[in-house]
């Protein structure tokens, strides 16, 4: 494990004794379903800690503003959303629930580079709910990580070459470590060469 490093000023000391005014909590979890499928569950909760006045001048008390729950069934080859459901447990207006119709459009969506952009096109802006959209975009990383953990619970052989690596579409260039010449790629290329030399 790397050494703990903090960059920038010590902003954390400023907030040590200050009361919160708002929080957004996102909870994500992956569950096994079959040998190849997983279910990914996401919950978003927005809480206001102070009384406010909305744009109409109406007074709103502290409490939960948004509580949204999304469950996705994920299948491999290619990695995609096979089924999806969502609930708006608490939202500011009953009409917010009408945006749940966008969930149906997630079925068949592949998990690959551009996932966040595709979610925004489906349910972002005037098409849907900003908070639902944000939750599902955030779930993208959990889908990848959760499925990889599920897949790798049993040891599998090193791929014979990069083209055989099924995960390459969402691993390569996903972060600085996974760039074409980054440390993870170098480690993988070394393992592939060792396999080829056997």
C-alpha atoms as a PDB file:
ATOM      1  CA  UNK A   1       0.000   0.000   0.000  1.00  0.00           C
ATOM      2  CA  UNK A   2       1.187   3.509  -0.778  1.00  0.00           C
ATOM      3  CA  UNK A   3       2.041   6.156   1.790  1.00  0.00           C
ATOM      4  CA  UNK A   4      -0.770   8.558   2.812  1.00  0.00           C
ATOM      5  CA  UNK A   5      -0.219  11.867   1.005  1.00  0.00           C
ATOM      6  CA  UNK A   6      -2.319  15.040   1.300  1.00  0.00           C
ATOM      7  CA  UNK A   7      -1.967  17.790  -1.282  1.00  0.00           C
ATOM      8  CA  UNK A   8      -3.132  21.368  -0.931  1.00  0.00           C
ATOM      9  CA  UNK A   9      -4.023  23.470   2.083  1.00  0.00           C
ATOM     10  CA  UNK A  10      -5.425  22.040   5.280  1.00  0.00           C
ATOM     11  CA  UNK A  11      -9.088  22.769   4.550  1.00  0.00           C
ATOM     12  CA  UNK A  12     -10.195  19.886   6.777  1.00  0.00           C
ATOM     13  CA  UNK A  13      -9.182  21.870   9.857  1.00  0.00           C
ATOM     14  CA  UNK A  14     -11.615  24.659   8.859  1.00  0.00           C
ATOM     15  CA  UNK A  15     -14.647  22.352   8.917  1.00  0.00           C
ATOM     16  CA  UNK A  16     -13.773  20.412  12.085  1.00  0.00           C
ATOM     17  CA  UNK A  17     -16.211  22.287  14.335  1.00  0.00           C
ATOM     18  CA  UNK A  18     -18.701  23.604  11.790  1.00  0.00           C
ATOM     19  CA  UNK A  19     -22.282  22.308  11.480  1.00  0.00           C
ATOM     20  CA  UNK A  20     -23.262  20.633   8.219  1.00  0.00           C
ATOM     21  CA  UNK A  21     -25.771  22.406   5.996  1.00  0.00           C
ATOM     22  CA  UNK A  22     -26.247  19.636   3.413  1.00  0.00           C
ATOM     23  CA  UNK A  23     -25.041  16.089   2.742  1.00  0.00           C
ATOM     24  CA  UNK A  24     -25.292  13.718  -0.189  1.00  0.00           C
ATOM     25  CA  UNK A  25     -24.707  10.093   0.724  1.00  0.00           C
ATOM     26  CA  UNK A  26     -24.372   7.520  -2.044  1.00  0.00           C
ATOM     27  CA  UNK A  27     -24.217   3.872  -1.033  1.00  0.00           C
ATOM     28  CA  UNK A  28     -23.263   1.226  -3.615  1.00  0.00           C
ATOM     29  CA  UNK A  29     -23.071  -2.556  -3.321  1.00  0.00           C
ATOM     30  CA  UNK A  30     -22.715  -5.556  -5.636  1.00  0.00           C
ATOM     31  CA  UNK A  31     -24.322  -8.948  -5.018  1.00  0.00           C
ATOM     32  CA  UNK A  32     -23.779 -12.309  -6.757  1.00  0.00           C
ATOM     33  CA  UNK A  33     -26.664 -13.512  -8.912  1.00  0.00           C
ATOM     34  CA  UNK A  34     -25.370 -16.350 -11.088  1.00  0.00           C
ATOM     35  CA  UNK A  35     -21.883 -17.528 -12.064  1.00  0.00           C
ATOM     36  CA  UNK A  36     -21.582 -14.665 -14.550  1.00  0.00           C
ATOM     37  CA  UNK A  37     -24.222 -12.114 -13.511  1.00  0.00           C
ATOM     38  CA  UNK A  38     -24.262  -9.650 -10.618  1.00  0.00           C
ATOM     39  CA  UNK A  39     -26.839  -7.270  -9.168  1.00  0.00           C
ATOM     40  CA  UNK A  40     -25.667  -3.738  -8.374  1.00  0.00           C
ATOM     41  CA  UNK A  41     -27.672  -1.676  -5.900  1.00  0.00           C
ATOM     42  CA  UNK A  42     -27.339   2.076  -5.421  1.00  0.00           C
ATOM     43  CA  UNK A  43     -28.973   4.499  -2.979  1.00  0.00           C
ATOM     44  CA  UNK A  44     -28.735   8.286  -3.001  1.00  0.00           C
ATOM     45  CA  UNK A  45     -29.837  10.388  -0.030  1.00  0.00           C
ATOM     46  CA  UNK A  46     -29.742  14.179   0.125  1.00  0.00           C
ATOM     47  CA  UNK A  47     -30.314  15.724   3.544  1.00  0.00           C
ATOM     48  CA  UNK A  48     -30.770  19.402   4.407  1.00  0.00           C
ATOM     49  CA  UNK A  49     -29.695  20.391   7.925  1.00  0.00           C
ATOM     50  CA  UNK A  50     -31.105  23.891   8.009  1.00  0.00           C
ATOM     51  CA  UNK A  51     -34.420  25.582   7.249  1.00  0.00           C
ATOM     52  CA  UNK A  52     -34.480  27.300   3.852  1.00  0.00           C
ATOM     53  CA  UNK A  53     -36.777  29.358   1.631  1.00  0.00           C
ATOM     54  CA  UNK A  54     -37.275  28.069  -1.909  1.00  0.00           C
ATOM     55  CA  UNK A  55     -37.515  30.215  -5.047  1.00  0.00           C
ATOM     56  CA  UNK A  56     -41.246  30.796  -4.436  1.00  0.00           C
ATOM     57  CA  UNK A  57     -40.559  32.055  -0.913  1.00  0.00           C
ATOM     58  CA  UNK A  58     -42.003  28.916   0.717  1.00  0.00           C
ATOM     59  CA  UNK A  59     -40.258  27.805   3.907  1.00  0.00           C
ATOM     60  CA  UNK A  60     -38.819  24.282   3.892  1.00  0.00           C
ATOM     61  CA  UNK A  61     -37.794  22.510   7.086  1.00  0.00           C
ATOM     62  CA  UNK A  62     -34.603  20.421   7.504  1.00  0.00           C
ATOM     63  CA  UNK A  63     -34.775  16.773   6.472  1.00  0.00           C
ATOM     64  CA  UNK A  64     -34.405  14.305   3.588  1.00  0.00           C
ATOM     65  CA  UNK A  65     -34.790  15.989   0.202  1.00  0.00           C
ATOM     66  CA  UNK A  66     -34.057  13.025  -2.085  1.00  0.00           C
ATOM     67  CA  UNK A  67     -34.021   9.290  -1.382  1.00  0.00           C
ATOM     68  CA  UNK A  68     -33.586   7.331  -4.606  1.00  0.00           C
ATOM     69  CA  UNK A  69     -33.006   3.586  -4.945  1.00  0.00           C
ATOM     70  CA  UNK A  70     -31.716   1.850  -8.125  1.00  0.00           C
ATOM     71  CA  UNK A  71     -31.086  -1.852  -8.790  1.00  0.00           C
ATOM     72  CA  UNK A  72     -29.339  -3.099 -11.947  1.00  0.00           C
ATOM     73  CA  UNK A  73     -28.869  -6.643 -13.230  1.00  0.00           C
ATOM     74  CA  UNK A  74     -25.487  -6.863 -14.994  1.00  0.00           C
ATOM     75  CA  UNK A  75     -24.475  -9.522 -17.519  1.00  0.00           C
ATOM     76  CA  UNK A  76     -21.090 -10.069 -19.217  1.00  0.00           C
ATOM     77  CA  UNK A  77     -19.846 -10.570 -22.807  1.00  0.00           C
ATOM     78  CA  UNK A  78     -20.166  -7.653 -23.347  1.00  0.00           C
ATOM     79  CA  UNK A  79     -20.707  -6.189 -19.873  1.00  0.00           C
ATOM     80  CA  UNK A  80     -24.140  -4.552 -19.965  1.00  0.00           C
ATOM     81  CA  UNK A  81     -27.299  -3.682 -18.052  1.00  0.00           C
ATOM     82  CA  UNK A  82     -29.719  -6.553 -18.610  1.00  0.00           C
ATOM     83  CA  UNK A  83     -32.517  -5.284 -16.362  1.00  0.00           C
ATOM     84  CA  UNK A  84     -33.123  -2.171 -14.263  1.00  0.00           C
ATOM     85  CA  UNK A  85     -35.532  -0.875 -11.675  1.00  0.00           C
ATOM     86  CA  UNK A  86     -35.703   2.328  -9.641  1.00  0.00           C
ATOM     87  CA  UNK A  87     -37.773   3.825  -6.816  1.00  0.00           C
ATOM     88  CA  UNK A  88     -38.103   7.397  -5.627  1.00  0.00           C
ATOM     89  CA  UNK A  89     -38.744   6.859  -1.928  1.00  0.00           C
ATOM     90  CA  UNK A  90     -38.646  10.555  -1.073  1.00  0.00           C
ATOM     91  CA  UNK A  91     -38.589  13.432  -3.585  1.00  0.00           C
ATOM     92  CA  UNK A  92     -39.634  17.100  -3.413  1.00  0.00           C
ATOM     93  CA  UNK A  93     -42.633  16.660  -5.726  1.00  0.00           C
ATOM     94  CA  UNK A  94     -44.836  13.717  -6.687  1.00  0.00           C
ATOM     95  CA  UNK A  95     -44.228  14.666 -10.334  1.00  0.00           C
ATOM     96  CA  UNK A  96     -40.561  13.694  -9.894  1.00  0.00           C
ATOM     97  CA  UNK A  97     -41.723  10.065 -10.199  1.00  0.00           C
ATOM     98  CA  UNK A  98     -42.629  10.630 -13.849  1.00  0.00           C
ATOM     99  CA  UNK A  99     -38.891  10.670 -14.659  1.00  0.00           C
ATOM    100  CA  UNK A 100     -38.634   6.970 -13.732  1.00  0.00           C
ATOM    101  CA  UNK A 101     -39.732   6.163 -17.295  1.00  0.00           C
ATOM    102  CA  UNK A 102     -36.105   6.726 -18.361  1.00  0.00           C
ATOM    103  CA  UNK A 103     -35.019   3.567 -16.491  1.00  0.00           C
ATOM    104  CA  UNK A 104     -36.438   1.328 -19.219  1.00  0.00           C
ATOM    105  CA  UNK A 105     -33.912   2.818 -21.673  1.00  0.00           C
ATOM    106  CA  UNK A 106     -30.993   1.478 -19.615  1.00  0.00           C
ATOM    107  CA  UNK A 107     -31.730  -2.112 -20.612  1.00  0.00           C
ATOM    108  CA  UNK A 108     -29.115  -3.298 -23.093  1.00  0.00           C
ATOM    109  CA  UNK A 109     -26.734  -0.400 -22.374  1.00  0.00           C
ATOM    110  CA  UNK A 110     -23.106  -1.544 -22.529  1.00  0.00           C
ATOM    111  CA  UNK A 111     -20.669  -0.692 -19.738  1.00  0.00           C
ATOM    112  CA  UNK A 112     -17.721   0.787 -21.617  1.00  0.00           C
ATOM    113  CA  UNK A 113     -15.893   4.048 -22.240  1.00  0.00           C
ATOM    114  CA  UNK A 114     -18.505   6.798 -22.635  1.00  0.00           C
ATOM    115  CA  UNK A 115     -20.931   5.244 -20.112  1.00  0.00           C
ATOM    116  CA  UNK A 116     -21.423   8.528 -18.225  1.00  0.00           C
ATOM    117  CA  UNK A 117     -22.095  10.422 -21.454  1.00  0.00           C
ATOM    118  CA  UNK A 118     -24.629   7.798 -22.555  1.00  0.00           C
ATOM    119  CA  UNK A 119     -26.465   7.989 -19.216  1.00  0.00           C
ATOM    120  CA  UNK A 120     -26.604  11.786 -19.521  1.00  0.00           C
ATOM    121  CA  UNK A 121     -28.056  11.464 -23.036  1.00  0.00           C
ATOM    122  CA  UNK A 122     -30.732   9.071 -21.762  1.00  0.00           C
ATOM    123  CA  UNK A 123     -31.849  10.849 -18.596  1.00  0.00           C
ATOM    124  CA  UNK A 124     -29.865  14.055 -18.149  1.00  0.00           C
ATOM    125  CA  UNK A 125     -31.160  17.614 -18.337  1.00  0.00           C
ATOM    126  CA  UNK A 126     -34.781  18.084 -19.383  1.00  0.00           C
ATOM    127  CA  UNK A 127     -35.180  14.367 -20.180  1.00  0.00           C
ATOM    128  CA  UNK A 128     -35.197  13.160 -16.598  1.00  0.00           C
ATOM    129  CA  UNK A 129     -33.977  13.689 -13.042  1.00  0.00           C
ATOM    130  CA  UNK A 130     -30.524  15.121 -12.289  1.00  0.00           C
ATOM    131  CA  UNK A 131     -30.234  13.112  -9.066  1.00  0.00           C
ATOM    132  CA  UNK A 132     -31.277   9.805 -10.616  1.00  0.00           C
ATOM    133  CA  UNK A 133     -28.852  10.476 -13.486  1.00  0.00           C
ATOM    134  CA  UNK A 134     -26.019  11.258 -11.043  1.00  0.00           C
ATOM    135  CA  UNK A 135     -26.635   8.079  -9.043  1.00  0.00           C
ATOM    136  CA  UNK A 136     -26.533   5.824 -12.109  1.00  0.00           C
ATOM    137  CA  UNK A 137     -23.388   7.511 -13.461  1.00  0.00           C
ATOM    138  CA  UNK A 138     -21.749   6.905 -10.081  1.00  0.00           C
ATOM    139  CA  UNK A 139     -22.904   3.259 -10.191  1.00  0.00           C
ATOM    140  CA  UNK A 140     -20.819   2.763 -13.355  1.00  0.00           C
ATOM    141  CA  UNK A 141     -17.616   2.297 -11.368  1.00  0.00           C
ATOM    142  CA  UNK A 142     -19.303  -0.066  -8.900  1.00  0.00           C
ATOM    143  CA  UNK A 143     -20.590  -2.156 -11.810  1.00  0.00           C
ATOM    144  CA  UNK A 144     -17.037  -2.585 -13.100  1.00  0.00           C
ATOM    145  CA  UNK A 145     -15.393  -3.149  -9.712  1.00  0.00           C
ATOM    146  CA  UNK A 146     -18.123  -5.420  -8.370  1.00  0.00           C
ATOM    147  CA  UNK A 147     -18.257  -7.570 -11.497  1.00  0.00           C
ATOM    148  CA  UNK A 148     -14.450  -7.885 -11.596  1.00  0.00           C
ATOM    149  CA  UNK A 149     -14.376  -9.030  -7.959  1.00  0.00           C
ATOM    150  CA  UNK A 150     -17.144 -11.553  -8.699  1.00  0.00           C
ATOM    151  CA  UNK A 151     -15.345 -12.799 -11.825  1.00  0.00           C
ATOM    152  CA  UNK A 152     -11.957 -13.081 -10.126  1.00  0.00           C
ATOM    153  CA  UNK A 153     -13.059 -15.058  -7.084  1.00  0.00           C
ATOM    154  CA  UNK A 154     -11.517 -18.050  -8.852  1.00  0.00           C
ATOM    155  CA  UNK A 155      -8.056 -17.919 -10.416  1.00  0.00           C
ATOM    156  CA  UNK A 156      -8.163 -17.606 -14.198  1.00  0.00           C
ATOM    157  CA  UNK A 157      -5.285 -17.875 -16.686  1.00  0.00           C
ATOM    158  CA  UNK A 158      -3.353 -14.830 -17.886  1.00  0.00           C
ATOM    159  CA  UNK A 159      -4.775 -13.788 -21.290  1.00  0.00           C
ATOM    160  CA  UNK A 160      -2.762 -15.044 -24.277  1.00  0.00           C
ATOM    161  CA  UNK A 161      -2.624 -11.474 -25.668  1.00  0.00           C
ATOM    162  CA  UNK A 162      -4.204  -8.046 -25.132  1.00  0.00           C
ATOM    163  CA  UNK A 163      -6.983  -8.793 -27.631  1.00  0.00           C
ATOM    164  CA  UNK A 164      -8.083 -11.687 -25.405  1.00  0.00           C
ATOM    165  CA  UNK A 165      -8.535  -9.408 -22.395  1.00  0.00           C
ATOM    166  CA  UNK A 166     -12.316  -8.997 -22.186  1.00  0.00           C
ATOM    167  CA  UNK A 167     -12.045  -6.156 -19.650  1.00  0.00           C
ATOM    168  CA  UNK A 168      -9.809  -3.989 -21.860  1.00  0.00           C
ATOM    169  CA  UNK A 169     -12.708  -1.758 -23.003  1.00  0.00           C
ATOM    170  CA  UNK A 170     -13.239  -0.400 -19.506  1.00  0.00           C
ATOM    171  CA  UNK A 171      -9.748  -0.857 -17.988  1.00  0.00           C
ATOM    172  CA  UNK A 172      -7.342   0.654 -20.534  1.00  0.00           C
ATOM    173  CA  UNK A 173      -7.119   4.442 -20.088  1.00  0.00           C
ATOM    174  CA  UNK A 174      -9.601   4.306 -17.194  1.00  0.00           C
ATOM    175  CA  UNK A 175      -7.017   6.027 -14.962  1.00  0.00           C
ATOM    176  CA  UNK A 176      -3.332   7.028 -14.949  1.00  0.00           C
ATOM    177  CA  UNK A 177      -2.290   3.570 -13.722  1.00  0.00           C
ATOM    178  CA  UNK A 178      -4.069   1.929 -16.691  1.00  0.00           C
ATOM    179  CA  UNK A 179      -2.754   4.193 -19.490  1.00  0.00           C
ATOM    180  CA  UNK A 180      -1.064   2.475 -22.460  1.00  0.00           C
ATOM    181  CA  UNK A 181       2.359   2.911 -20.789  1.00  0.00           C
ATOM    182  CA  UNK A 182       1.196   2.943 -17.145  1.00  0.00           C
ATOM    183  CA  UNK A 183       2.310   0.506 -14.433  1.00  0.00           C
ATOM    184  CA  UNK A 184      -0.746  -1.782 -14.658  1.00  0.00           C
ATOM    185  CA  UNK A 185      -0.330  -2.193 -18.430  1.00  0.00           C
ATOM    186  CA  UNK A 186       3.408  -2.854 -18.045  1.00  0.00           C
ATOM    187  CA  UNK A 187       2.655  -5.510 -15.424  1.00  0.00           C
ATOM    188  CA  UNK A 188       0.019  -7.121 -17.658  1.00  0.00           C
ATOM    189  CA  UNK A 189       2.275  -7.066 -20.740  1.00  0.00           C
ATOM    190  CA  UNK A 190       5.058  -8.706 -18.701  1.00  0.00           C
ATOM    191  CA  UNK A 191       2.676 -11.469 -17.538  1.00  0.00           C
ATOM    192  CA  UNK A 192       1.491 -12.046 -21.147  1.00  0.00           C
ATOM    193  CA  UNK A 193       5.125 -12.312 -22.395  1.00  0.00           C
ATOM    194  CA  UNK A 194       5.930 -14.802 -19.629  1.00  0.00           C
ATOM    195  CA  UNK A 195       2.922 -16.909 -20.640  1.00  0.00           C
ATOM    196  CA  UNK A 196       3.894 -16.769 -24.314  1.00  0.00           C
ATOM    197  CA  UNK A 197       7.454 -17.901 -23.518  1.00  0.00           C
ATOM    198  CA  UNK A 198       6.268 -21.097 -21.785  1.00  0.00           C
END
